[in-house]
Amino acid sequence: MTLTIYDETGRMLYSQEGEFAKGYNAFTLNRAEVNTAGVLYYKVATATDSGSMKMVEMK
């Protein structure tokens, strides 16, 4: 599974991969790793599916 975070222009800001078992899983993200504020988009992708959403990061 891969988590990727993009800014409004589509520039990739952060990416993290992980191996997870079936069930509830979570990525832990430190605010300093992204180091930006405003509207951001994140995408979670597996080998067969993906989904993306918008989030707002405030400083």
PDB file of N, CA and C in Angstrom:
ATOM      1  N   MET A   1       0.858  -1.162   0.000  1.00  0.00           N
ATOM      2  CA  MET A   1       0.000   0.000   0.000  1.00  0.00           C
ATOM      3  C   MET A   1       0.904   1.225   0.000  1.00  0.00           C
ATOM      4  N   THR A   2       0.489   2.249  -0.746  1.00  0.00           N
ATOM      5  CA  THR A   2       1.277   3.475  -0.840  1.00  0.00           C
ATOM      6  C   THR A   2       0.407   4.685  -0.537  1.00  0.00           C
ATOM      7  N   LEU A   3       0.907   5.581   0.300  1.00  0.00           N
ATOM      8  CA  LEU A   3       0.280   6.866   0.574  1.00  0.00           C
ATOM      9  C   LEU A   3       1.112   7.929  -0.116  1.00  0.00           C
ATOM     10  N   THR A   4       0.462   8.767  -0.932  1.00  0.00           N
ATOM     11  CA  THR A   4       1.151   9.861  -1.608  1.00  0.00           C
ATOM     12  C   THR A   4       0.370  11.138  -1.372  1.00  0.00           C
ATOM     13  N   ILE A   5       1.080  12.225  -1.037  1.00  0.00           N
ATOM     14  CA  ILE A   5       0.447  13.519  -0.789  1.00  0.00           C
ATOM     15  C   ILE A   5       0.937  14.513  -1.827  1.00  0.00           C
ATOM     16  N   TYR A   6      -0.016  15.260  -2.406  1.00  0.00           N
ATOM     17  CA  TYR A   6       0.272  16.237  -3.458  1.00  0.00           C
ATOM     18  C   TYR A   6      -0.233  17.613  -3.044  1.00  0.00           C
ATOM     19  N   ASP A   7       0.391  18.673  -3.579  1.00  0.00           N
ATOM     20  CA  ASP A   7      -0.143  20.015  -3.376  1.00  0.00           C
ATOM     21  C   ASP A   7      -1.145  20.324  -4.492  1.00  0.00           C
ATOM     22  N   GLU A   8      -1.673  21.543  -4.504  1.00  0.00           N
ATOM     23  CA  GLU A   8      -2.703  21.925  -5.482  1.00  0.00           C
ATOM     24  C   GLU A   8      -2.203  21.901  -6.922  1.00  0.00           C
ATOM     25  N   THR A   9      -0.912  22.039  -7.117  1.00  0.00           N
ATOM     26  CA  THR A   9      -0.364  22.037  -8.474  1.00  0.00           C
ATOM     27  C   THR A   9      -0.051  20.631  -8.971  1.00  0.00           C
ATOM     28  N   GLY A  10      -0.206  19.624  -8.103  1.00  0.00           N
ATOM     29  CA  GLY A  10       0.084  18.253  -8.489  1.00  0.00           C
ATOM     30  C   GLY A  10       1.487  17.804  -8.148  1.00  0.00           C
ATOM     31  N   ARG A  11       2.248  18.663  -7.491  1.00  0.00           N
ATOM     32  CA  ARG A  11       3.615  18.319  -7.089  1.00  0.00           C
ATOM     33  C   ARG A  11       3.565  17.360  -5.903  1.00  0.00           C
ATOM     34  N   MET A  12       4.290  16.240  -6.003  1.00  0.00           N
ATOM     35  CA  MET A  12       4.327  15.279  -4.914  1.00  0.00           C
ATOM     36  C   MET A  12       5.152  15.838  -3.759  1.00  0.00           C
ATOM     37  N   LEU A  13       4.565  15.839  -2.573  1.00  0.00           N
ATOM     38  CA  LEU A  13       5.230  16.352  -1.381  1.00  0.00           C
ATOM     39  C   LEU A  13       5.761  15.244  -0.483  1.00  0.00           C
ATOM     40  N   TYR A  14       5.087  14.086  -0.517  1.00  0.00           N
ATOM     41  CA  TYR A  14       5.419  13.025   0.433  1.00  0.00           C
ATOM     42  C   TYR A  14       4.917  11.699  -0.118  1.00  0.00           C
ATOM     43  N   SER A  15       5.659  10.641   0.125  1.00  0.00           N
ATOM     44  CA  SER A  15       5.235   9.304  -0.262  1.00  0.00           C
ATOM     45  C   SER A  15       5.760   8.305   0.748  1.00  0.00           C
ATOM     46  N   GLN A  16       4.914   7.340   1.101  1.00  0.00           N
ATOM     47  CA  GLN A  16       5.300   6.309   2.061  1.00  0.00           C
ATOM     48  C   GLN A  16       4.659   4.995   1.639  1.00  0.00           C
ATOM     49  N   GLU A  17       5.445   3.919   1.671  1.00  0.00           N
ATOM     50  CA  GLU A  17       4.927   2.590   1.366  1.00  0.00           C
ATOM     51  C   GLU A  17       4.888   1.761   2.631  1.00  0.00           C
ATOM     52  N   GLY A  18       3.955   0.820   2.669  1.00  0.00           N
ATOM     53  CA  GLY A  18       3.860  -0.062   3.818  1.00  0.00           C
ATOM     54  C   GLY A  18       3.227  -1.379   3.438  1.00  0.00           C
ATOM     55  N   GLU A  19       3.546  -2.406   4.180  1.00  0.00           N
ATOM     56  CA  GLU A  19       2.952  -3.732   4.014  1.00  0.00           C
ATOM     57  C   GLU A  19       1.958  -3.925   5.151  1.00  0.00           C
ATOM     58  N   PHE A  20       0.711  -4.193   4.804  1.00  0.00           N
ATOM     59  CA  PHE A  20      -0.340  -4.320   5.802  1.00  0.00           C
ATOM     60  C   PHE A  20      -1.138  -5.592   5.592  1.00  0.00           C
ATOM     61  N   ALA A  21      -1.670  -6.129   6.662  1.00  0.00           N
ATOM     62  CA  ALA A  21      -2.581  -7.267   6.601  1.00  0.00           C
ATOM     63  C   ALA A  21      -3.992  -6.744   6.356  1.00  0.00           C
ATOM     64  N   LYS A  22      -4.922  -7.632   6.077  1.00  0.00           N
ATOM     65  CA  LYS A  22      -6.324  -7.233   5.914  1.00  0.00           C
ATOM     66  C   LYS A  22      -6.834  -6.607   7.211  1.00  0.00           C
ATOM     67  N   GLY A  23      -7.783  -5.688   7.077  1.00  0.00           N
ATOM     68  CA  GLY A  23      -8.368  -5.060   8.247  1.00  0.00           C
ATOM     69  C   GLY A  23      -8.023  -3.592   8.326  1.00  0.00           C
ATOM     70  N   TYR A  24      -8.235  -3.012   9.486  1.00  0.00           N
ATOM     71  CA  TYR A  24      -7.968  -1.596   9.706  1.00  0.00           C
ATOM     72  C   TYR A  24      -6.467  -1.358   9.728  1.00  0.00           C
ATOM     73  N   ASN A  25      -6.022  -0.347   8.984  1.00  0.00           N
ATOM     74  CA  ASN A  25      -4.612   0.035   8.941  1.00  0.00           C
ATOM     75  C   ASN A  25      -4.514   1.547   8.954  1.00  0.00           C
ATOM     76  N   ALA A  26      -3.349   2.061   9.339  1.00  0.00           N
ATOM     77  CA  ALA A  26      -3.175   3.509   9.398  1.00  0.00           C
ATOM     78  C   ALA A  26      -1.733   3.884   9.065  1.00  0.00           C
ATOM     79  N   PHE A  27      -1.585   5.017   8.406  1.00  0.00           N
ATOM     80  CA  PHE A  27      -0.279   5.630   8.201  1.00  0.00           C
ATOM     81  C   PHE A  27      -0.139   6.720   9.241  1.00  0.00           C
ATOM     82  N   THR A  28       1.045   6.890   9.798  1.00  0.00           N
ATOM     83  CA  THR A  28       1.318   7.981  10.724  1.00  0.00           C
ATOM     84  C   THR A  28       2.155   9.005   9.978  1.00  0.00           C
ATOM     85  N   LEU A  29       1.697  10.244  10.015  1.00  0.00           N
ATOM     86  CA  LEU A  29       2.347  11.304   9.264  1.00  0.00           C
ATOM     87  C   LEU A  29       2.714  12.438  10.207  1.00  0.00           C
ATOM     88  N   ASN A  30       3.959  12.861  10.160  1.00  0.00           N
ATOM     89  CA  ASN A  30       4.429  13.974  10.962  1.00  0.00           C
ATOM     90  C   ASN A  30       4.247  15.254  10.147  1.00  0.00           C
ATOM     91  N   ARG A  31       3.677  16.270  10.728  1.00  0.00           N
ATOM     92  CA  ARG A  31       3.431  17.538  10.031  1.00  0.00           C
ATOM     93  C   ARG A  31       4.705  18.111   9.420  1.00  0.00           C
ATOM     94  N   ALA A  32       5.837  17.933  10.061  1.00  0.00           N
ATOM     95  CA  ALA A  32       7.102  18.466   9.548  1.00  0.00           C
ATOM     96  C   ALA A  32       7.539  17.778   8.262  1.00  0.00           C
ATOM     97  N   GLU A  33       7.096  16.541   8.037  1.00  0.00           N
ATOM     98  CA  GLU A  33       7.468  15.824   6.823  1.00  0.00           C
ATOM     99  C   GLU A  33       6.832  16.426   5.576  1.00  0.00           C
ATOM    100  N   VAL A  34       5.633  16.968   5.715  1.00  0.00           N
ATOM    101  CA  VAL A  34       4.946  17.590   4.583  1.00  0.00           C
ATOM    102  C   VAL A  34       5.400  19.035   4.438  1.00  0.00           C
ATOM    103  N   ASN A  35       5.513  19.740   5.553  1.00  0.00           N
ATOM    104  CA  ASN A  35       6.083  21.085   5.609  1.00  0.00           C
ATOM    105  C   ASN A  35       5.409  22.090   4.683  1.00  0.00           C
ATOM    106  N   THR A  36       4.090  22.077   4.626  1.00  0.00           N
ATOM    107  CA  THR A  36       3.337  23.060   3.861  1.00  0.00           C
ATOM    108  C   THR A  36       1.944  23.173   4.445  1.00  0.00           C
ATOM    109  N   ALA A  37       1.231  24.208   4.069  1.00  0.00           N
ATOM    110  CA  ALA A  37      -0.137  24.402   4.539  1.00  0.00           C
ATOM    111  C   ALA A  37      -1.025  24.683   3.342  1.00  0.00           C
ATOM    112  N   GLY A  38      -2.317  24.547   3.543  1.00  0.00           N
ATOM    113  CA  GLY A  38      -3.270  24.809   2.477  1.00  0.00           C
ATOM    114  C   GLY A  38      -4.007  23.543   2.079  1.00  0.00           C
ATOM    115  N   VAL A  39      -4.572  23.556   0.877  1.00  0.00           N
ATOM    116  CA  VAL A  39      -5.309  22.412   0.368  1.00  0.00           C
ATOM    117  C   VAL A  39      -4.316  21.399  -0.200  1.00  0.00           C
ATOM    118  N   LEU A  40      -4.409  20.183   0.284  1.00  0.00           N
ATOM    119  CA  LEU A  40      -3.551  19.091  -0.172  1.00  0.00           C
ATOM    120  C   LEU A  40      -4.432  17.930  -0.606  1.00  0.00           C
ATOM    121  N   TYR A  41      -3.890  17.069  -1.412  1.00  0.00           N
ATOM    122  CA  TYR A  41      -4.604  15.886  -1.874  1.00  0.00           C
ATOM    123  C   TYR A  41      -3.783  14.666  -1.504  1.00  0.00           C
ATOM    124  N   TYR A  42      -4.464  13.605  -1.063  1.00  0.00           N
ATOM    125  CA  TYR A  42      -3.744  12.375  -0.768  1.00  0.00           C
ATOM    126  C   TYR A  42      -4.368  11.215  -1.527  1.00  0.00           C
ATOM    127  N   LYS A  43      -3.519  10.279  -1.869  1.00  0.00           N
ATOM    128  CA  LYS A  43      -3.946   9.089  -2.609  1.00  0.00           C
ATOM    129  C   LYS A  43      -3.404   7.866  -1.893  1.00  0.00           C
ATOM    130  N   VAL A  44      -4.271   6.896  -1.658  1.00  0.00           N
ATOM    131  CA  VAL A  44      -3.876   5.616  -1.095  1.00  0.00           C
ATOM    132  C   VAL A  44      -4.088   4.582  -2.190  1.00  0.00           C
ATOM    133  N   ALA A  45      -3.034   3.849  -2.518  1.00  0.00           N
ATOM    134  CA  ALA A  45      -3.110   2.883  -3.612  1.00  0.00           C
ATOM    135  C   ALA A  45      -2.622   1.517  -3.158  1.00  0.00           C
ATOM    136  N   THR A  46      -3.333   0.486  -3.622  1.00  0.00           N
ATOM    137  CA  THR A  46      -2.906  -0.899  -3.428  1.00  0.00           C
ATOM    138  C   THR A  46      -2.618  -1.473  -4.811  1.00  0.00           C
ATOM    139  N   ALA A  47      -2.312  -2.743  -4.862  1.00  0.00           N
ATOM    140  CA  ALA A  47      -2.030  -3.383  -6.147  1.00  0.00           C
ATOM    141  C   ALA A  47      -3.268  -3.411  -7.047  1.00  0.00           C
ATOM    142  N   THR A  48      -4.461  -3.369  -6.454  1.00  0.00           N
ATOM    143  CA  THR A  48      -5.689  -3.496  -7.250  1.00  0.00           C
ATOM    144  C   THR A  48      -6.596  -2.277  -7.217  1.00  0.00           C
ATOM    145  N   ASP A  49      -6.470  -1.412  -6.240  1.00  0.00           N
ATOM    146  CA  ASP A  49      -7.387  -0.279  -6.077  1.00  0.00           C
ATOM    147  C   ASP A  49      -6.645   0.964  -5.628  1.00  0.00           C
ATOM    148  N   SER A  50      -7.323   2.111  -5.778  1.00  0.00           N
ATOM    149  CA  SER A  50      -6.785   3.355  -5.237  1.00  0.00           C
ATOM    150  C   SER A  50      -7.936   4.296  -4.939  1.00  0.00           C
ATOM    151  N   GLY A  51      -7.666   5.254  -4.080  1.00  0.00           N
ATOM    152  CA  GLY A  51      -8.644   6.280  -3.739  1.00  0.00           C
ATOM    153  C   GLY A  51      -7.929   7.551  -3.381  1.00  0.00           C
ATOM    154  N   SER A  52      -8.563   8.689  -3.659  1.00  0.00           N
ATOM    155  CA  SER A  52      -7.937   9.967  -3.323  1.00  0.00           C
ATOM    156  C   SER A  52      -8.964  10.893  -2.688  1.00  0.00           C
ATOM    157  N   MET A  53      -8.479  11.781  -1.843  1.00  0.00           N
ATOM    158  CA  MET A  53      -9.318  12.732  -1.137  1.00  0.00           C
ATOM    159  C   MET A  53      -8.568  14.037  -0.956  1.00  0.00           C
ATOM    160  N   LYS A  54      -9.321  15.071  -0.617  1.00  0.00           N
ATOM    161  CA  LYS A  54      -8.755  16.393  -0.361  1.00  0.00           C
ATOM    162  C   LYS A  54      -8.685  16.591   1.147  1.00  0.00           C
ATOM    163  N   MET A  55      -7.655  17.296   1.604  1.00  0.00           N
ATOM    164  CA  MET A  55      -7.550  17.659   3.022  1.00  0.00           C
ATOM    165  C   MET A  55      -7.005  19.069   3.127  1.00  0.00           C
ATOM    166  N   VAL A  56      -7.232  19.698   4.265  1.00  0.00           N
ATOM    167  CA  VAL A  56      -6.724  21.044   4.512  1.00  0.00           C
ATOM    168  C   VAL A  56      -5.752  20.958   5.667  1.00  0.00           C
ATOM    169  N   GLU A  57      -4.542  21.410   5.417  1.00  0.00           N
ATOM    170  CA  GLU A  57      -3.494  21.453   6.440  1.00  0.00           C
ATOM    171  C   GLU A  57      -3.335  22.889   6.891  1.00  0.00           C
ATOM    172  N   MET A  58      -3.507  23.123   8.195  1.00  0.00           N
ATOM    173  CA  MET A  58      -3.375  24.487   8.737  1.00  0.00           C
ATOM    174  C   MET A  58      -2.139  24.551   9.606  1.00  0.00           C
ATOM    175  N   LYS A  59      -1.448  25.639   9.537  1.00  0.00           N
ATOM    176  CA  LYS A  59      -0.246  25.825  10.367  1.00  0.00           C
ATOM    177  C   LYS A  59      -0.578  26.565  11.612  1.00  0.00           C
TER     178      LYS A  59
END
